[in-house]
Structures are given as C-alpha cells and as structure tokens.
Amino acid sequence: MAKIKIKQVKSAINRPIDQKRTLVALGFRKLNQTIEKEATPQIMGMVNKVSHMIEIID
C-alpha cells in the first residue's frame, strides 16, 4: 500500500476535542513533527478531518 508523509503545521490549542484526539491517533506529539503512515481509508479519513492543521509532503 502507498505511504504518505504528513506534517503538523498548526497547533491543536483551542480546537475541538475530537480534532485533538485525531492528531494523537495519527501519532503527532509536537508541532512541525513529520510522520509516515500507510494510505489506508481510515488514515485518509483522519487526515481529511484535520486537514486544516496538517500538510501532506510528497
């Protein structure tokens, strides 16, 4: 399966709790952290939910 790299570029402060938990579920711990995940439908759904706080790196 394809892999994607995602980077958290905005803070989770003052965001709804479900968005904060989605970032934690994706594996983010710090701002500007980059992680690599499999591009499964579940991961892509989480990425879409917090797309305003992350960026996808090629």
Protein backbone atom coordinates (compact mmCIF):
# COMPACT_ATOMS: atom_id res chain seq x y z
CA MET A 1 0.00 0.00 0.00
CA ALA A 2 1.13 3.57 -0.63
CA LYS A 3 2.71 5.62 2.13
CA ILE A 4 2.09 9.29 2.85
CA LYS A 5 4.15 11.75 4.87
CA ILE A 6 2.21 14.25 6.90
CA LYS A 7 3.42 17.19 8.97
CA GLN A 8 1.57 19.08 11.68
CA VAL A 9 1.83 22.79 10.86
CA LYS A 10 -0.78 24.33 13.17
CA SER A 11 -1.36 23.95 16.88
CA ALA A 12 -4.21 21.99 18.42
CA ILE A 13 -4.79 24.68 21.04
CA ASN A 14 -8.40 25.97 21.03
CA ARG A 15 -9.54 23.14 18.76
CA PRO A 16 -12.42 20.74 19.46
CA ILE A 17 -11.51 17.65 21.48
CA ASP A 18 -12.25 15.29 18.58
CA GLN A 19 -9.65 17.06 16.41
CA LYS A 20 -7.08 16.90 19.22
CA ARG A 21 -7.72 13.18 19.64
CA THR A 22 -7.44 12.63 15.89
CA LEU A 23 -3.97 14.22 15.90
CA VAL A 24 -2.93 11.96 18.78
CA ALA A 25 -4.36 8.92 16.99
CA LEU A 26 -2.31 9.80 13.92
CA GLY A 27 0.80 9.86 16.12
CA PHE A 28 1.56 13.55 16.44
CA ARG A 29 3.17 14.75 19.65
CA LYS A 30 4.77 18.05 18.67
CA LEU A 31 4.25 20.89 16.24
CA ASN A 32 6.25 20.55 12.99
CA GLN A 33 6.62 16.80 13.54
CA THR A 34 6.60 14.68 10.38
CA ILE A 35 5.27 11.13 10.37
CA GLU A 36 4.84 8.48 7.69
CA LYS A 37 1.68 6.38 7.52
CA GLU A 38 0.07 3.84 5.21
CA ALA A 39 -2.58 5.45 3.00
CA THR A 40 -5.48 3.32 4.22
CA PRO A 41 -9.06 4.61 4.07
CA GLN A 42 -9.08 5.02 7.86
CA ILE A 43 -5.90 7.12 7.87
CA MET A 44 -7.10 9.21 4.92
CA GLY A 45 -10.36 9.91 6.78
CA MET A 46 -8.41 11.16 9.79
CA VAL A 47 -6.20 13.28 7.53
CA ASN A 48 -9.29 14.84 5.94
CA LYS A 49 -10.75 15.62 9.37
CA VAL A 50 -7.70 17.66 10.45
CA SER A 51 -6.54 18.82 7.01
CA HIS A 52 -6.51 22.45 8.15
CA MET A 53 -3.79 21.65 10.74
CA ILE A 54 -1.54 19.36 8.70
CA GLU A 55 0.14 19.29 5.32
CA ILE A 56 0.91 16.32 3.11
CA ILE A 57 4.52 16.15 1.98
CA ASP A 58 5.49 14.45 -1.29
